[in-house]
Amino acid sequence: MTALSCKTFGMVRARYGVAFGFSHLTVNPTIWDEVFSLATFEIPVWDDLRLDAVNALPSIGTAIVLAYASLETFIARVLDDLAVRSSIPPTLWS
């Protein structure tokens, strides 16, 4: 190398580096069994209607009708669950 090239390489203009990391998750038998218990999970009707409303966009009319149907179904389900737990007479709920 010549003296000129040594001076050029003697200065550092930039340094580059790459940061990386990794993590792991230990799955014990209890967690594994709970994951497989989700196989019997059934999506509530109101949530399915809500997802359909989101997917219906940009068709505003269809999305609004599906969103209202989802809301009405959700309210009916919650009221039915509350009626069972309430001390109010069943005839009043119906």
PDB file of N, CA and C in Angstrom:
ATOM      1  N   MET A   1       0.834  -1.188   0.000  1.00  0.00           N
ATOM      2  CA  MET A   1       0.000   0.000   0.000  1.00  0.00           C
ATOM      3  C   MET A   1       0.875   1.247   0.000  1.00  0.00           C
ATOM      4  N   THR A   2       0.384   2.230  -0.618  1.00  0.00           N
ATOM      5  CA  THR A   2       1.129   3.491  -0.638  1.00  0.00           C
ATOM      6  C   THR A   2       0.738   4.311   0.570  1.00  0.00           C
ATOM      7  N   ALA A   3       1.449   5.338   0.811  1.00  0.00           N
ATOM      8  CA  ALA A   3       1.162   6.216   1.944  1.00  0.00           C
ATOM      9  C   ALA A   3      -0.187   6.893   1.778  1.00  0.00           C
ATOM     10  N   LEU A   4      -0.552   7.201   0.533  1.00  0.00           N
ATOM     11  CA  LEU A   4      -1.827   7.856   0.271  1.00  0.00           C
ATOM     12  C   LEU A   4      -2.998   6.928   0.603  1.00  0.00           C
ATOM     13  N   SER A   5      -2.890   5.665   0.210  1.00  0.00           N
ATOM     14  CA  SER A   5      -3.985   4.745   0.480  1.00  0.00           C
ATOM     15  C   SER A   5      -4.098   4.424   1.967  1.00  0.00           C
ATOM     16  N   CYS A   6      -2.997   4.455   2.702  1.00  0.00           N
ATOM     17  CA  CYS A   6      -3.056   4.222   4.145  1.00  0.00           C
ATOM     18  C   CYS A   6      -3.805   5.351   4.830  1.00  0.00           C
ATOM     19  N   LYS A   7      -3.575   6.569   4.382  1.00  0.00           N
ATOM     20  CA  LYS A   7      -4.290   7.698   4.977  1.00  0.00           C
ATOM     21  C   LYS A   7      -5.780   7.622   4.653  1.00  0.00           C
ATOM     22  N   THR A   8      -6.138   7.171   3.476  1.00  0.00           N
ATOM     23  CA  THR A   8      -7.542   7.067   3.089  1.00  0.00           C
ATOM     24  C   THR A   8      -8.257   6.031   3.944  1.00  0.00           C
ATOM     25  N   PHE A   9      -7.631   4.913   4.157  1.00  0.00           N
ATOM     26  CA  PHE A   9      -8.262   3.861   4.951  1.00  0.00           C
ATOM     27  C   PHE A   9      -8.135   4.105   6.454  1.00  0.00           C
ATOM     28  N   GLY A  10      -7.329   5.046   6.847  1.00  0.00           N
ATOM     29  CA  GLY A  10      -7.161   5.316   8.263  1.00  0.00           C
ATOM     30  C   GLY A  10      -8.366   5.997   8.883  1.00  0.00           C
ATOM     31  N   MET A  11      -9.212   6.627   8.097  1.00  0.00           N
ATOM     32  CA  MET A  11     -10.389   7.323   8.609  1.00  0.00           C
ATOM     33  C   MET A  11     -11.622   6.434   8.446  1.00  0.00           C
ATOM     34  N   VAL A  12     -12.477   6.481   9.413  1.00  0.00           N
ATOM     35  CA  VAL A  12     -13.695   5.684   9.359  1.00  0.00           C
ATOM     36  C   VAL A  12     -14.861   6.632   9.104  1.00  0.00           C
ATOM     37  N   ARG A  13     -15.546   6.445   8.010  1.00  0.00           N
ATOM     38  CA  ARG A  13     -16.688   7.287   7.688  1.00  0.00           C
ATOM     39  C   ARG A  13     -17.983   6.728   8.280  1.00  0.00           C
ATOM     40  N   ALA A  14     -18.129   5.457   8.302  1.00  0.00           N
ATOM     41  CA  ALA A  14     -19.355   4.856   8.813  1.00  0.00           C
ATOM     42  C   ALA A  14     -19.065   3.450   9.301  1.00  0.00           C
ATOM     43  N   ARG A  15     -19.856   3.040  10.244  1.00  0.00           N
ATOM     44  CA  ARG A  15     -19.790   1.668  10.733  1.00  0.00           C
ATOM     45  C   ARG A  15     -21.183   1.076  10.620  1.00  0.00           C
ATOM     46  N   TYR A  16     -21.231  -0.133  10.208  1.00  0.00           N
ATOM     47  CA  TYR A  16     -22.512  -0.801  10.029  1.00  0.00           C
ATOM     48  C   TYR A  16     -22.597  -1.985  10.975  1.00  0.00           C
ATOM     49  N   GLY A  17     -23.774  -2.190  11.439  1.00  0.00           N
ATOM     50  CA  GLY A  17     -23.998  -3.352  12.291  1.00  0.00           C
ATOM     51  C   GLY A  17     -25.444  -3.814  12.158  1.00  0.00           C
ATOM     52  N   VAL A  18     -25.652  -5.021  12.465  1.00  0.00           N
ATOM     53  CA  VAL A  18     -26.988  -5.586  12.403  1.00  0.00           C
ATOM     54  C   VAL A  18     -27.293  -6.185  13.768  1.00  0.00           C
ATOM     55  N   ALA A  19     -28.404  -5.758  14.323  1.00  0.00           N
ATOM     56  CA  ALA A  19     -28.828  -6.308  15.606  1.00  0.00           C
ATOM     57  C   ALA A  19     -29.909  -7.353  15.347  1.00  0.00           C
ATOM     58  N   PHE A  20     -29.838  -8.420  16.029  1.00  0.00           N
ATOM     59  CA  PHE A  20     -30.866  -9.443  15.895  1.00  0.00           C
ATOM     60  C   PHE A  20     -31.032 -10.114  17.240  1.00  0.00           C
ATOM     61  N   GLY A  21     -32.142 -10.741  17.366  1.00  0.00           N
ATOM     62  CA  GLY A  21     -32.431 -11.470  18.594  1.00  0.00           C
ATOM     63  C   GLY A  21     -33.422 -12.571  18.301  1.00  0.00           C
ATOM     64  N   PHE A  22     -33.530 -13.468  19.190  1.00  0.00           N
ATOM     65  CA  PHE A  22     -34.506 -14.523  19.043  1.00  0.00           C
ATOM     66  C   PHE A  22     -34.992 -14.890  20.434  1.00  0.00           C
ATOM     67  N   SER A  23     -36.166 -15.421  20.447  1.00  0.00           N
ATOM     68  CA  SER A  23     -36.728 -15.874  21.709  1.00  0.00           C
ATOM     69  C   SER A  23     -37.405 -17.212  21.458  1.00  0.00           C
ATOM     70  N   HIS A  24     -37.661 -17.888  22.508  1.00  0.00           N
ATOM     71  CA  HIS A  24     -38.334 -19.168  22.391  1.00  0.00           C
ATOM     72  C   HIS A  24     -39.384 -19.274  23.483  1.00  0.00           C
ATOM     73  N   LEU A  25     -40.340 -20.087  23.231  1.00  0.00           N
ATOM     74  CA  LEU A  25     -41.426 -20.297  24.164  1.00  0.00           C
ATOM     75  C   LEU A  25     -41.489 -21.781  24.485  1.00  0.00           C
ATOM     76  N   THR A  26     -41.467 -22.060  25.745  1.00  0.00           N
ATOM     77  CA  THR A  26     -41.551 -23.453  26.170  1.00  0.00           C
ATOM     78  C   THR A  26     -43.023 -23.833  26.279  1.00  0.00           C
ATOM     79  N   VAL A  27     -43.391 -24.878  25.605  1.00  0.00           N
ATOM     80  CA  VAL A  27     -44.775 -25.354  25.646  1.00  0.00           C
ATOM     81  C   VAL A  27     -44.796 -26.613  26.490  1.00  0.00           C
ATOM     82  N   ASN A  28     -45.407 -26.479  27.652  1.00  0.00           N
ATOM     83  CA  ASN A  28     -45.522 -27.645  28.520  1.00  0.00           C
ATOM     84  C   ASN A  28     -46.813 -28.397  28.193  1.00  0.00           C
ATOM     85  N   PRO A  29     -47.010 -29.575  28.727  1.00  0.00           N
ATOM     86  CA  PRO A  29     -48.207 -30.365  28.385  1.00  0.00           C
ATOM     87  C   PRO A  29     -49.529 -29.661  28.698  1.00  0.00           C
ATOM     88  N   THR A  30     -49.562 -28.842  29.732  1.00  0.00           N
ATOM     89  CA  THR A  30     -50.800 -28.129  30.075  1.00  0.00           C
ATOM     90  C   THR A  30     -51.174 -27.146  28.975  1.00  0.00           C
ATOM     91  N   ILE A  31     -50.207 -26.374  28.509  1.00  0.00           N
ATOM     92  CA  ILE A  31     -50.461 -25.412  27.431  1.00  0.00           C
ATOM     93  C   ILE A  31     -50.845 -26.157  26.158  1.00  0.00           C
ATOM     94  N   TRP A  32     -50.162 -27.238  25.873  1.00  0.00           N
ATOM     95  CA  TRP A  32     -50.446 -28.022  24.670  1.00  0.00           C
ATOM     96  C   TRP A  32     -51.876 -28.535  24.684  1.00  0.00           C
ATOM     97  N   ASP A  33     -52.352 -29.026  25.835  1.00  0.00           N
ATOM     98  CA  ASP A  33     -53.724 -29.514  25.945  1.00  0.00           C
ATOM     99  C   ASP A  33     -54.736 -28.383  25.787  1.00  0.00           C
ATOM    100  N   GLU A  34     -54.426 -27.206  26.327  1.00  0.00           N
ATOM    101  CA  GLU A  34     -55.333 -26.069  26.198  1.00  0.00           C
ATOM    102  C   GLU A  34     -55.437 -25.598  24.748  1.00  0.00           C
ATOM    103  N   VAL A  35     -54.351 -25.674  24.018  1.00  0.00           N
ATOM    104  CA  VAL A  35     -54.382 -25.296  22.603  1.00  0.00           C
ATOM    105  C   VAL A  35     -55.306 -26.240  21.837  1.00  0.00           C
ATOM    106  N   PHE A  36     -55.222 -27.519  22.096  1.00  0.00           N
ATOM    107  CA  PHE A  36     -56.069 -28.471  21.392  1.00  0.00           C
ATOM    108  C   PHE A  36     -57.511 -28.433  21.866  1.00  0.00           C
ATOM    109  N   SER A  37     -57.759 -27.878  23.048  1.00  0.00           N
ATOM    110  CA  SER A  37     -59.149 -27.744  23.482  1.00  0.00           C
ATOM    111  C   SER A  37     -59.868 -26.655  22.692  1.00  0.00           C
ATOM    112  N   LEU A  38     -59.120 -25.784  22.026  1.00  0.00           N
ATOM    113  CA  LEU A  38     -59.736 -24.747  21.203  1.00  0.00           C
ATOM    114  C   LEU A  38     -60.324 -25.307  19.907  1.00  0.00           C
ATOM    115  N   ALA A  39     -60.027 -26.539  19.594  1.00  0.00           N
ATOM    116  CA  ALA A  39     -60.552 -27.140  18.371  1.00  0.00           C
ATOM    117  C   ALA A  39     -62.071 -27.231  18.409  1.00  0.00           C
ATOM    118  N   THR A  40     -62.659 -27.285  19.582  1.00  0.00           N
ATOM    119  CA  THR A  40     -64.108 -27.363  19.707  1.00  0.00           C
ATOM    120  C   THR A  40     -64.744 -25.985  19.862  1.00  0.00           C
ATOM    121  N   PHE A  41     -63.933 -24.921  19.796  1.00  0.00           N
ATOM    122  CA  PHE A  41     -64.454 -23.562  19.934  1.00  0.00           C
ATOM    123  C   PHE A  41     -65.333 -23.220  18.743  1.00  0.00           C
ATOM    124  N   GLU A  42     -66.471 -22.633  19.038  1.00  0.00           N
ATOM    125  CA  GLU A  42     -67.404 -22.248  17.984  1.00  0.00           C
ATOM    126  C   GLU A  42     -67.576 -20.731  18.015  1.00  0.00           C
ATOM    127  N   ILE A  43     -67.417 -20.099  16.873  1.00  0.00           N
ATOM    128  CA  ILE A  43     -67.539 -18.644  16.789  1.00  0.00           C
ATOM    129  C   ILE A  43     -68.996 -18.262  17.020  1.00  0.00           C
ATOM    130  N   PRO A  44     -69.251 -17.285  17.908  1.00  0.00           N
ATOM    131  CA  PRO A  44     -70.633 -16.847  18.114  1.00  0.00           C
ATOM    132  C   PRO A  44     -71.219 -16.264  16.828  1.00  0.00           C
ATOM    133  N   VAL A  45     -72.522 -16.388  16.685  1.00  0.00           N
ATOM    134  CA  VAL A  45     -73.192 -15.916  15.473  1.00  0.00           C
ATOM    135  C   VAL A  45     -72.991 -14.419  15.297  1.00  0.00           C
ATOM    136  N   TRP A  46     -73.085 -13.674  16.390  1.00  0.00           N
ATOM    137  CA  TRP A  46     -72.947 -12.219  16.279  1.00  0.00           C
ATOM    138  C   TRP A  46     -71.550 -11.812  15.811  1.00  0.00           C
ATOM    139  N   ASP A  47     -70.537 -12.561  16.204  1.00  0.00           N
ATOM    140  CA  ASP A  47     -69.179 -12.231  15.779  1.00  0.00           C
ATOM    141  C   ASP A  47     -68.979 -12.569  14.305  1.00  0.00           C
ATOM    142  N   ASP A  48     -69.605 -13.640  13.864  1.00  0.00           N
ATOM    143  CA  ASP A  48     -69.537 -13.997  12.456  1.00  0.00           C
ATOM    144  C   ASP A  48     -70.214 -12.919  11.598  1.00  0.00           C
ATOM    145  N   LEU A  49     -71.348 -12.405  12.073  1.00  0.00           N
ATOM    146  CA  LEU A  49     -72.027 -11.319  11.364  1.00  0.00           C
ATOM    147  C   LEU A  49     -71.183 -10.047  11.343  1.00  0.00           C
ATOM    148  N   ARG A  50     -70.493  -9.778  12.436  1.00  0.00           N
ATOM    149  CA  ARG A  50     -69.635  -8.592  12.502  1.00  0.00           C
ATOM    150  C   ARG A  50     -68.496  -8.701  11.497  1.00  0.00           C
ATOM    151  N   LEU A  51     -67.887  -9.873  11.413  1.00  0.00           N
ATOM    152  CA  LEU A  51     -66.812 -10.076  10.446  1.00  0.00           C
ATOM    153  C   LEU A  51     -67.327  -9.973   9.012  1.00  0.00           C
ATOM    154  N   ASP A  52     -68.545 -10.468   8.788  1.00  0.00           N
ATOM    155  CA  ASP A  52     -69.146 -10.332   7.461  1.00  0.00           C
ATOM    156  C   ASP A  52     -69.382  -8.865   7.119  1.00  0.00           C
ATOM    157  N   ALA A  53     -69.764  -8.067   8.117  1.00  0.00           N
ATOM    158  CA  ALA A  53     -69.980  -6.634   7.886  1.00  0.00           C
ATOM    159  C   ALA A  53     -68.679  -5.943   7.502  1.00  0.00           C
ATOM    160  N   VAL A  54     -67.594  -6.302   8.160  1.00  0.00           N
ATOM    161  CA  VAL A  54     -66.298  -5.712   7.827  1.00  0.00           C
ATOM    162  C   VAL A  54     -65.874  -6.127   6.420  1.00  0.00           C
ATOM    163  N   ASN A  55     -66.092  -7.383   6.074  1.00  0.00           N
ATOM    164  CA  ASN A  55     -65.707  -7.872   4.749  1.00  0.00           C
ATOM    165  C   ASN A  55     -66.605  -7.340   3.640  1.00  0.00           C
ATOM    166  N   ALA A  56     -67.811  -6.872   3.989  1.00  0.00           N
ATOM    167  CA  ALA A  56     -68.732  -6.357   2.977  1.00  0.00           C
ATOM    168  C   ALA A  56     -68.326  -4.971   2.486  1.00  0.00           C
ATOM    169  N   LEU A  57     -67.456  -4.296   3.217  1.00  0.00           N
ATOM    170  CA  LEU A  57     -67.016  -2.972   2.780  1.00  0.00           C
ATOM    171  C   LEU A  57     -66.288  -3.083   1.469  1.00  0.00           C
ATOM    172  N   PRO A  58     -66.421  -2.167   0.590  1.00  0.00           N
ATOM    173  CA  PRO A  58     -66.961  -0.811   0.668  1.00  0.00           C
ATOM    174  C   PRO A  58     -68.450  -0.704   0.358  1.00  0.00           C
ATOM    175  N   SER A  59     -69.157  -1.800   0.311  1.00  0.00           N
ATOM    176  CA  SER A  59     -70.605  -1.741   0.105  1.00  0.00           C
ATOM    177  C   SER A  59     -71.253  -1.316   1.428  1.00  0.00           C
ATOM    178  N   ILE A  60     -71.492  -0.011   1.552  1.00  0.00           N
ATOM    179  CA  ILE A  60     -71.931   0.565   2.824  1.00  0.00           C
ATOM    180  C   ILE A  60     -73.273   0.004   3.278  1.00  0.00           C
ATOM    181  N   GLY A  61     -74.234  -0.098   2.392  1.00  0.00           N
ATOM    182  CA  GLY A  61     -75.562  -0.574   2.783  1.00  0.00           C
ATOM    183  C   GLY A  61     -75.527  -1.975   3.363  1.00  0.00           C
ATOM    184  N   THR A  62     -74.831  -2.868   2.693  1.00  0.00           N
ATOM    185  CA  THR A  62     -74.708  -4.241   3.173  1.00  0.00           C
ATOM    186  C   THR A  62     -73.982  -4.295   4.502  1.00  0.00           C
ATOM    187  N   ALA A  63     -72.924  -3.510   4.631  1.00  0.00           N
ATOM    188  CA  ALA A  63     -72.143  -3.504   5.874  1.00  0.00           C
ATOM    189  C   ALA A  63     -72.978  -2.994   7.042  1.00  0.00           C
ATOM    190  N   ILE A  64     -73.795  -1.969   6.817  1.00  0.00           N
ATOM    191  CA  ILE A  64     -74.627  -1.421   7.903  1.00  0.00           C
ATOM    192  C   ILE A  64     -75.682  -2.432   8.330  1.00  0.00           C
ATOM    193  N   VAL A  65     -76.323  -3.093   7.371  1.00  0.00           N
ATOM    194  CA  VAL A  65     -77.351  -4.088   7.711  1.00  0.00           C
ATOM    195  C   VAL A  65     -76.742  -5.240   8.498  1.00  0.00           C
ATOM    196  N   LEU A  66     -75.581  -5.718   8.063  1.00  0.00           N
ATOM    197  CA  LEU A  66     -74.927  -6.814   8.784  1.00  0.00           C
ATOM    198  C   LEU A  66     -74.454  -6.377  10.164  1.00  0.00           C
ATOM    199  N   ALA A  67     -73.972  -5.145  10.290  1.00  0.00           N
ATOM    200  CA  ALA A  67     -73.523  -4.641  11.597  1.00  0.00           C
ATOM    201  C   ALA A  67     -74.700  -4.532  12.564  1.00  0.00           C
ATOM    202  N   TYR A  68     -75.841  -4.036  12.083  1.00  0.00           N
ATOM    203  CA  TYR A  68     -77.016  -3.955  12.947  1.00  0.00           C
ATOM    204  C   TYR A  68     -77.521  -5.347  13.329  1.00  0.00           C
ATOM    205  N   ALA A  69     -77.488  -6.278  12.397  1.00  0.00           N
ATOM    206  CA  ALA A  69     -77.906  -7.655  12.706  1.00  0.00           C
ATOM    207  C   ALA A  69     -76.984  -8.261  13.756  1.00  0.00           C
ATOM    208  N   SER A  70     -75.688  -7.969  13.647  1.00  0.00           N
ATOM    209  CA  SER A  70     -74.722  -8.450  14.636  1.00  0.00           C
ATOM    210  C   SER A  70     -75.020  -7.866  16.008  1.00  0.00           C
ATOM    211  N   LEU A  71     -75.294  -6.585  16.043  1.00  0.00           N
ATOM    212  CA  LEU A  71     -75.585  -5.913  17.318  1.00  0.00           C
ATOM    213  C   LEU A  71     -76.863  -6.447  17.945  1.00  0.00           C
ATOM    214  N   GLU A  72     -77.904  -6.627  17.141  1.00  0.00           N
ATOM    215  CA  GLU A  72     -79.163  -7.156  17.674  1.00  0.00           C
ATOM    216  C   GLU A  72     -78.990  -8.581  18.200  1.00  0.00           C
ATOM    217  N   THR A  73     -78.231  -9.395  17.488  1.00  0.00           N
ATOM    218  CA  THR A  73     -77.988 -10.765  17.931  1.00  0.00           C
ATOM    219  C   THR A  73     -77.188 -10.790  19.223  1.00  0.00           C
ATOM    220  N   PHE A  74     -76.198  -9.908  19.325  1.00  0.00           N
ATOM    221  CA  PHE A  74     -75.386  -9.830  20.538  1.00  0.00           C
ATOM    222  C   PHE A  74     -76.236  -9.398  21.731  1.00  0.00           C
ATOM    223  N   ILE A  75     -77.066  -8.380  21.541  1.00  0.00           N
ATOM    224  CA  ILE A  75     -77.917  -7.891  22.634  1.00  0.00           C
ATOM    225  C   ILE A  75     -78.892  -8.977  23.080  1.00  0.00           C
ATOM    226  N   ALA A  76     -79.475  -9.696  22.133  1.00  0.00           N
ATOM    227  CA  ALA A  76     -80.408 -10.770  22.486  1.00  0.00           C
ATOM    228  C   ALA A  76     -79.702 -11.852  23.295  1.00  0.00           C
ATOM    229  N   ARG A  77     -78.485 -12.185  22.905  1.00  0.00           N
ATOM    230  CA  ARG A  77     -77.725 -13.226  23.623  1.00  0.00           C
ATOM    231  C   ARG A  77     -77.390 -12.778  25.037  1.00  0.00           C
ATOM    232  N   VAL A  78     -76.967 -11.533  25.184  1.00  0.00           N
ATOM    233  CA  VAL A  78     -76.622 -11.019  26.513  1.00  0.00           C
ATOM    234  C   VAL A  78     -77.861 -10.954  27.402  1.00  0.00           C
ATOM    235  N   LEU A  79     -78.975 -10.501  26.860  1.00  0.00           N
ATOM    236  CA  LEU A  79     -80.202 -10.442  27.656  1.00  0.00           C
ATOM    237  C   LEU A  79     -80.672 -11.834  28.071  1.00  0.00           C
ATOM    238  N   ASP A  80     -80.525 -12.819  27.197  1.00  0.00           N
ATOM    239  CA  ASP A  80     -80.893 -14.194  27.572  1.00  0.00           C
ATOM    240  C   ASP A  80     -80.005 -14.709  28.703  1.00  0.00           C
ATOM    241  N   ASP A  81     -78.714 -14.407  28.642  1.00  0.00           N
ATOM    242  CA  ASP A  81     -77.806 -14.828  29.710  1.00  0.00           C
ATOM    243  C   ASP A  81     -78.121 -14.104  31.019  1.00  0.00           C
ATOM    244  N   LEU A  82     -78.464 -12.836  30.937  1.00  0.00           N
ATOM    245  CA  LEU A  82     -78.810 -12.081  32.146  1.00  0.00           C
ATOM    246  C   LEU A  82     -80.124 -12.562  32.742  1.00  0.00           C
ATOM    247  N   ALA A  83     -81.061 -12.959  31.919  1.00  0.00           N
ATOM    248  CA  ALA A  83     -82.353 -13.436  32.413  1.00  0.00           C
ATOM    249  C   ALA A  83     -82.187 -14.686  33.262  1.00  0.00           C
ATOM    250  N   VAL A  84     -81.272 -15.549  32.886  1.00  0.00           N
ATOM    251  CA  VAL A  84     -81.048 -16.781  33.646  1.00  0.00           C
ATOM    252  C   VAL A  84     -80.461 -16.463  35.015  1.00  0.00           C
ATOM    253  N   ARG A  85     -79.577 -15.480  35.078  1.00  0.00           N
ATOM    254  CA  ARG A  85     -78.883 -15.146  36.334  1.00  0.00           C
ATOM    255  C   ARG A  85     -79.646 -14.170  37.218  1.00  0.00           C
ATOM    256  N   SER A  86     -80.692 -13.586  36.721  1.00  0.00           N
ATOM    257  CA  SER A  86     -81.381 -12.517  37.428  1.00  0.00           C
ATOM    258  C   SER A  86     -82.424 -13.061  38.406  1.00  0.00           C
ATOM    259  N   SER A  87     -82.750 -12.227  39.361  1.00  0.00           N
ATOM    260  CA  SER A  87     -83.813 -12.585  40.311  1.00  0.00           C
ATOM    261  C   SER A  87     -85.163 -12.036  39.856  1.00  0.00           C
ATOM    262  N   ILE A  88     -85.193 -11.374  38.715  1.00  0.00           N
ATOM    263  CA  ILE A  88     -86.432 -10.851  38.148  1.00  0.00           C
ATOM    264  C   ILE A  88     -87.233 -12.040  37.601  1.00  0.00           C
ATOM    265  N   PRO A  89     -88.540 -12.039  37.807  1.00  0.00           N
ATOM    266  CA  PRO A  89     -89.368 -13.171  37.335  1.00  0.00           C
ATOM    267  C   PRO A  89     -89.233 -13.385  35.827  1.00  0.00           C
ATOM    268  N   PRO A  90     -89.209 -14.639  35.387  1.00  0.00           N
ATOM    269  CA  PRO A  90     -89.067 -14.936  33.953  1.00  0.00           C
ATOM    270  C   PRO A  90     -90.175 -14.351  33.087  1.00  0.00           C
ATOM    271  N   THR A  91     -91.384 -14.197  33.638  1.00  0.00           N
ATOM    272  CA  THR A  91     -92.476 -13.623  32.847  1.00  0.00           C
ATOM    273  C   THR A  91     -92.178 -12.178  32.491  1.00  0.00           C
ATOM    274  N   LEU A  92     -91.497 -11.468  33.346  1.00  0.00           N
ATOM    275  CA  LEU A  92     -91.138 -10.084  33.051  1.00  0.00           C
ATOM    276  C   LEU A  92     -90.093 -10.013  31.924  1.00  0.00           C
ATOM    277  N   TRP A  93     -89.175 -10.953  31.918  1.00  0.00           N
ATOM    278  CA  TRP A  93     -88.155 -10.989  30.857  1.00  0.00           C
ATOM    279  C   TRP A  93     -88.788 -11.320  29.523  1.00  0.00           C
ATOM    280  N   SER A  94     -89.751 -12.226  29.513  1.00  0.00           N
ATOM    281  CA  SER A  94     -90.357 -12.606  28.239  1.00  0.00           C
ATOM    282  C   SER A  94     -91.328 -11.549  27.784  1.00  0.00           C
TER     283      SER A  94
END
